Amino acid sequence: MEKIHGAIMPDDRITVPSLGADVRAIRKARKMTLVDLSDALGRSVGWLSQVERDMSYPSIADLNRIASILDVSVSSFLQVGVAPDEAGVVVRAHARRPIGSRTAGLTEALLSPDLTDDFEVIHSTFAPHSHLTEPLSRPTQEVCYIVSGQFEVALDGTHFLLEAGDSFRLRGEQFQWWNRHDTPCEIIWVISPPIY
């Protein structure tokens, strides 16, 4: 076991080098101020500011609370087996940061090295016969590319059936999705600003 950022972590799991910037990006995407998040955590604004600038490191308990409040998986703040010279530049297939999912049948991973850019790239796998039960909208611009399978999406109530090689764009519209087929569907999303 190795002690990382004030918490005991398994040797092959460490917090991402961009932890502070990622927390800040997700906090801003949630339209939360430093005061909002620090109050929710029961920590000082100064402490949180230092975390976001990588001058202080949260314990695993704090990290879990941050993830919970920001509605992301704590695993999105951890990385697996990344070579030091590749950190922040290369994302190996085996070392993608799982984002977690709030929707049954949806598995997502971050393809971007971190959340420090004006956009993020996400790999999503939609299980057979999965769907988003309630329409949602988010304050983002997104371009989505269907890698494999078939996918149905409703944008402001207009339905589109998409297949591998097709793409679509979202600009804050209300959307809902379905994979009504017997095979998984894989999609690459480019999202601005980062929301995970």
Foldseek 3Di string as FASTA:
>chain_A
DDQAQNEDDPPFKYFAPQLLCQLVLQCVQVVHDLVRLCVQLVHDSVQNVCCNVVNHGDYVVSLCSSCVVSVWDSQQRMWGDDDPVCQQPAADPVTWRWTDDPFPQKTKTWRHSGQNDQKTKMKIKGAAFGWDPDWDFGQKKKKKAWQAAWKWKAFLRRIDIDGHGDMDIDHRTTMIITRNDNGMIIMMMIIGNDND
